[in-house]
Amino acid sequence: MAQLTLSDLRAILFDFDGTLVDVSIDFDAMKRRVWLAAVATGLDLTGYERLYTLELIKRVFTALGGDGAAPAEAFRRQAEEAVLDEELKAAARAEVFPGVPAFLQELHARGIKVVIVTRNCRAAVEQIIARNDLYYDLLLTRDDVPRVKPDPEHLAIALRALGISAREALMVGDHPMDVQAGHAVGAWTIGILYAGRPVDYFTAVHPHAVLPSVVDIPTYIMTHPLQDSQSGVPPV
């Protein structure tokens, strides 16, 4: 049975918002602003309601004619400005979760690569990282890749850049899409379940483990090597 021990681990790929830092982005306000911009184009938006904001922008942009089409470019510009505005406002008040800076330095000392893969923009992420002195080896925001999580290419690009195989890597995030992307690329996965979320939040996507904080990862893996047969493990 395949398993991951701490000595096997060469890289941890982290989601950013809600995983390493407490960033209270007003996603409802963001979606509302983008939705209003989409409505103003006159498109029939039936079926678009459940799309994530970034996917909504892409779908509307394509429906309006895509690259070079004036209505599409105007919509994308307005929508992306709304998204960036909400992200930067949230970044200004973001706080790192307890123990995270020291934890990332610990991984570095162990020779484990620290990778951040986020749907957030680079400007907002770099603002938070600089303010809190967070260590990383590679940062891939939505500005750096053609397709973002849950598309596994976001993670695959990181692994290729580091020359590390998926079976030597762990994907960690606070959203089911992080686990889905990790599974899709063939990596090990851990879901971060912060206070207030139901204990079955990750059950449908079957992470190899579920923990309350990223700082618990080394101790947990030392005592509970991850195994392919694990899924929906309750928080410790």
Protein backbone atom coordinates (compact mmCIF):
# COMPACT_ATOMS: atom_id res chain seq x y z
CA MET A 1 0.00 0.00 0.00
CA ALA A 2 1.43 3.37 -1.03
CA GLN A 3 2.05 5.82 1.76
CA LEU A 4 3.68 9.20 2.42
CA THR A 5 6.06 9.64 5.32
CA LEU A 6 7.76 12.88 6.29
CA SER A 7 11.05 11.67 4.79
CA ASP A 8 9.29 11.06 1.44
CA LEU A 9 7.83 14.56 1.29
CA ARG A 10 9.67 16.97 -1.01
CA ALA A 11 7.11 19.77 -1.45
CA ILE A 12 3.93 21.11 0.09
CA LEU A 13 1.61 23.07 -2.17
CA PHE A 14 -0.50 25.45 -0.14
CA ASP A 15 -3.65 27.31 -0.91
CA PHE A 16 -3.30 30.84 0.50
CA ASP A 17 -6.58 32.42 1.64
CA GLY A 18 -8.08 30.49 4.53
CA THR A 19 -5.11 28.12 4.69
CA LEU A 20 -2.03 30.19 5.53
CA VAL A 21 -3.74 33.52 6.17
CA ASP A 22 -7.10 34.73 7.34
CA VAL A 23 -8.20 36.88 4.41
CA SER A 24 -11.80 37.96 4.73
CA ILE A 25 -12.54 38.67 1.08
CA ASP A 26 -16.14 39.70 0.58
CA PHE A 27 -16.85 37.13 -2.10
CA ASP A 28 -20.54 38.02 -2.13
CA ALA A 29 -19.74 41.65 -2.94
CA MET A 30 -17.19 40.55 -5.54
CA LYS A 31 -19.65 38.21 -7.25
CA ARG A 32 -22.38 40.83 -7.11
CA ARG A 33 -20.22 43.47 -8.80
CA VAL A 34 -19.15 41.07 -11.54
CA TRP A 35 -22.70 39.82 -11.99
CA LEU A 36 -24.02 43.36 -12.43
CA ALA A 37 -21.35 44.03 -15.03
CA ALA A 38 -22.39 40.84 -16.82
CA VAL A 39 -26.08 41.78 -16.69
CA ALA A 40 -25.23 45.15 -18.23
CA THR A 41 -23.87 43.41 -21.33
CA GLY A 42 -27.36 42.17 -22.18
CA LEU A 43 -26.34 38.50 -22.34
CA ASP A 44 -28.76 35.76 -21.32
CA LEU A 45 -27.08 34.57 -18.12
CA THR A 46 -29.26 31.55 -17.55
CA GLY A 47 -27.08 28.79 -16.10
CA TYR A 48 -24.30 31.17 -15.13
CA GLU A 49 -25.53 31.71 -11.56
CA ARG A 50 -23.56 28.89 -9.93
CA LEU A 51 -20.21 29.70 -11.54
CA TYR A 52 -17.32 30.86 -9.37
CA THR A 53 -16.51 34.51 -10.02
CA LEU A 54 -13.38 33.88 -12.12
CA GLU A 55 -15.18 31.25 -14.18
CA LEU A 56 -18.11 33.64 -14.63
CA ILE A 57 -15.78 36.29 -16.03
CA LYS A 58 -14.24 33.82 -18.44
CA ARG A 59 -17.62 32.51 -19.61
CA VAL A 60 -19.08 35.97 -20.21
CA PHE A 61 -15.89 37.17 -21.90
CA THR A 62 -16.03 34.22 -24.31
CA ALA A 63 -19.75 34.69 -24.97
CA LEU A 64 -19.11 38.33 -25.89
CA GLY A 65 -16.58 37.36 -28.53
CA GLY A 66 -13.36 36.95 -26.58
CA ASP A 67 -10.02 38.55 -27.42
CA GLY A 68 -10.28 41.58 -29.67
CA ALA A 69 -14.05 42.03 -29.29
CA ALA A 70 -14.71 45.46 -27.79
CA PRO A 71 -17.70 44.43 -25.62
CA ALA A 72 -15.75 41.45 -24.25
CA GLU A 73 -12.66 43.52 -23.47
CA ALA A 74 -14.74 46.23 -21.79
CA PHE A 75 -16.56 43.69 -19.63
CA ARG A 76 -13.37 41.89 -18.62
CA ARG A 77 -11.68 45.16 -17.70
CA GLN A 78 -14.61 46.22 -15.48
CA ALA A 79 -14.96 42.77 -13.90
CA GLU A 80 -11.26 42.35 -13.18
CA GLU A 81 -11.10 45.81 -11.62
CA ALA A 82 -13.95 44.83 -9.29
CA VAL A 83 -12.21 41.59 -8.30
CA LEU A 84 -8.86 43.31 -7.74
CA ASP A 85 -10.49 46.04 -5.65
CA GLU A 86 -12.12 43.51 -3.31
CA GLU A 87 -8.91 41.48 -3.01
CA LEU A 88 -6.72 44.46 -2.20
CA LYS A 89 -9.19 45.73 0.40
CA ALA A 90 -9.11 42.32 2.06
CA ALA A 91 -5.32 42.06 1.83
CA ALA A 92 -4.90 45.28 3.78
CA ARG A 93 -6.61 43.72 6.82
CA ALA A 94 -5.46 40.10 6.41
CA GLU A 95 -3.82 38.29 9.32
CA VAL A 96 -1.55 35.25 9.21
CA PHE A 97 -2.79 32.25 11.14
CA PRO A 98 -0.85 31.59 14.38
CA GLY A 99 2.47 29.81 13.92
CA VAL A 100 2.49 29.94 10.13
CA PRO A 101 5.66 32.05 9.58
CA ALA A 102 7.74 29.78 11.83
CA PHE A 103 6.14 26.69 10.29
CA LEU A 104 7.14 27.71 6.75
CA GLN A 105 10.70 28.34 7.94
CA GLU A 106 10.67 24.90 9.57
CA LEU A 107 9.73 23.30 6.25
CA HIS A 108 12.55 25.20 4.56
CA ALA A 109 15.02 23.93 7.18
CA ARG A 110 13.82 20.36 6.55
CA GLY A 111 14.45 20.78 2.82
CA ILE A 112 10.74 20.65 1.95
CA LYS A 113 9.80 23.09 -0.82
CA VAL A 114 7.08 25.61 0.03
CA VAL A 115 4.74 26.39 -2.86
CA ILE A 116 1.75 28.73 -2.84
CA VAL A 117 -0.93 28.07 -5.47
CA THR A 118 -3.77 30.55 -5.25
CA ARG A 119 -6.65 31.93 -7.27
CA ASN A 120 -5.90 35.32 -5.71
CA CYS A 121 -3.98 38.01 -7.62
CA ARG A 122 -0.22 38.45 -7.22
CA ALA A 123 -0.47 42.04 -5.97
CA ALA A 124 -2.67 41.10 -3.01
CA VAL A 125 -0.68 37.99 -2.10
CA GLU A 126 2.69 39.74 -2.29
CA GLN A 127 1.35 42.55 -0.10
CA ILE A 128 0.44 40.06 2.63
CA ILE A 129 3.63 38.02 2.27
CA ALA A 130 5.86 41.10 2.54
CA ARG A 131 4.03 42.41 5.59
CA ASN A 132 4.33 39.08 7.41
CA ASP A 133 7.70 37.80 6.15
CA LEU A 134 6.30 34.50 4.86
CA TYR A 135 8.85 32.14 3.31
CA TYR A 136 8.15 30.40 0.01
CA ASP A 137 10.07 28.78 -2.84
CA LEU A 138 7.46 29.31 -5.55
CA LEU A 139 4.33 31.45 -5.84
CA LEU A 140 1.79 30.83 -8.59
CA THR A 141 -1.20 33.17 -8.54
CA ARG A 142 -3.94 33.44 -11.13
CA ASP A 143 -1.76 36.02 -12.88
CA ASP A 144 0.94 33.39 -13.47
CA VAL A 145 -0.95 30.45 -14.98
CA PRO A 146 -3.41 30.00 -17.86
CA ARG A 147 -5.87 27.97 -15.76
CA VAL A 148 -6.38 28.06 -12.01
CA LYS A 149 -7.59 25.53 -9.44
CA PRO A 150 -9.60 23.36 -9.54
CA ASP A 151 -7.90 22.78 -12.91
CA PRO A 152 -4.93 20.52 -12.05
CA GLU A 153 -2.67 22.43 -14.48
CA HIS A 154 -2.20 25.07 -11.76
CA LEU A 155 -0.50 22.44 -9.59
CA ALA A 156 1.18 20.62 -12.49
CA ILE A 157 3.01 23.79 -13.50
CA ALA A 158 4.40 24.10 -9.97
CA LEU A 159 5.56 20.49 -9.87
CA ARG A 160 7.24 20.79 -13.27
CA ALA A 161 9.01 23.98 -12.22
CA LEU A 162 10.44 22.23 -9.15
CA GLY A 163 11.17 18.93 -10.89
CA ILE A 164 9.15 17.06 -8.25
CA SER A 165 6.73 14.21 -8.86
CA ALA A 166 3.15 14.39 -7.60
CA ARG A 167 3.73 11.39 -5.30
CA GLU A 168 6.39 13.41 -3.46
CA ALA A 169 4.05 16.37 -3.02
CA LEU A 170 1.21 17.29 -0.69
CA MET A 171 -1.61 19.68 -1.61
CA VAL A 172 -3.11 21.52 1.36
CA GLY A 173 -6.14 23.78 1.31
CA ASP A 174 -9.32 24.85 3.07
CA HIS A 175 -11.68 24.30 0.12
CA PRO A 176 -12.84 21.10 -1.60
CA MET A 177 -11.47 22.43 -4.90
CA ASP A 178 -7.95 22.29 -3.41
CA VAL A 179 -8.39 18.61 -2.63
CA GLN A 180 -9.94 17.96 -6.04
CA ALA A 181 -7.00 19.62 -7.80
CA GLY A 182 -4.55 17.65 -5.68
CA HIS A 183 -6.22 14.35 -6.52
CA ALA A 184 -6.41 15.27 -10.22
CA VAL A 185 -2.67 15.84 -10.44
CA GLY A 186 -1.90 12.71 -8.39
CA ALA A 187 -0.66 14.42 -5.21
CA TRP A 188 -1.39 13.61 -1.59
CA THR A 189 -4.00 15.88 0.00
CA ILE A 190 -4.92 17.43 3.34
CA GLY A 191 -8.00 19.53 3.99
CA ILE A 192 -7.79 22.35 6.54
CA LEU A 193 -11.03 22.57 8.50
CA TYR A 194 -11.23 25.84 10.34
CA ALA A 195 -13.66 26.57 13.16
CA GLY A 196 -17.29 26.97 12.17
CA ARG A 197 -17.32 24.54 9.27
CA PRO A 198 -19.16 21.21 9.55
CA VAL A 199 -17.04 18.15 10.26
CA ASP A 200 -18.18 16.56 6.99
CA TYR A 201 -17.10 19.55 4.87
CA PHE A 202 -14.51 17.51 2.94
CA THR A 203 -16.26 14.13 2.94
CA ALA A 204 -17.32 14.26 -0.70
CA VAL A 205 -13.77 14.88 -1.99
CA HIS A 206 -11.91 12.36 0.22
CA PRO A 207 -8.68 14.06 1.33
CA HIS A 208 -6.02 11.79 2.81
CA ALA A 209 -6.40 13.68 6.09
CA VAL A 210 -8.25 16.62 7.61
CA LEU A 211 -6.53 18.88 10.14
CA PRO A 212 -7.45 22.09 11.97
CA SER A 213 -4.21 23.92 11.06
CA VAL A 214 -1.27 23.62 8.67
CA VAL A 215 1.15 23.74 11.60
CA ASP A 216 -0.06 20.27 12.64
CA ILE A 217 1.09 18.64 9.40
CA PRO A 218 4.62 17.43 10.35
CA THR A 219 3.56 15.92 13.67
CA TYR A 220 0.53 14.28 12.13
CA ILE A 221 2.45 12.69 9.25
CA MET A 222 5.21 11.48 11.57
CA THR A 223 2.64 9.55 13.59
CA HIS A 224 0.10 8.87 10.80
CA PRO A 225 1.82 8.37 7.41
CA LEU A 226 -0.71 9.20 4.70
CA GLN A 227 -2.07 6.15 2.90
CA ASP A 228 -3.97 5.77 -0.34
CA SER A 229 -6.74 3.97 1.51
CA GLN A 230 -7.40 6.98 3.76
CA SER A 231 -10.32 9.27 3.03
CA GLY A 232 -12.47 11.61 5.02
CA VAL A 233 -10.23 11.33 8.10
CA PRO A 234 -11.76 13.32 10.96
CA PRO A 235 -9.88 16.30 12.37
CA VAL A 236 -7.43 15.68 15.20
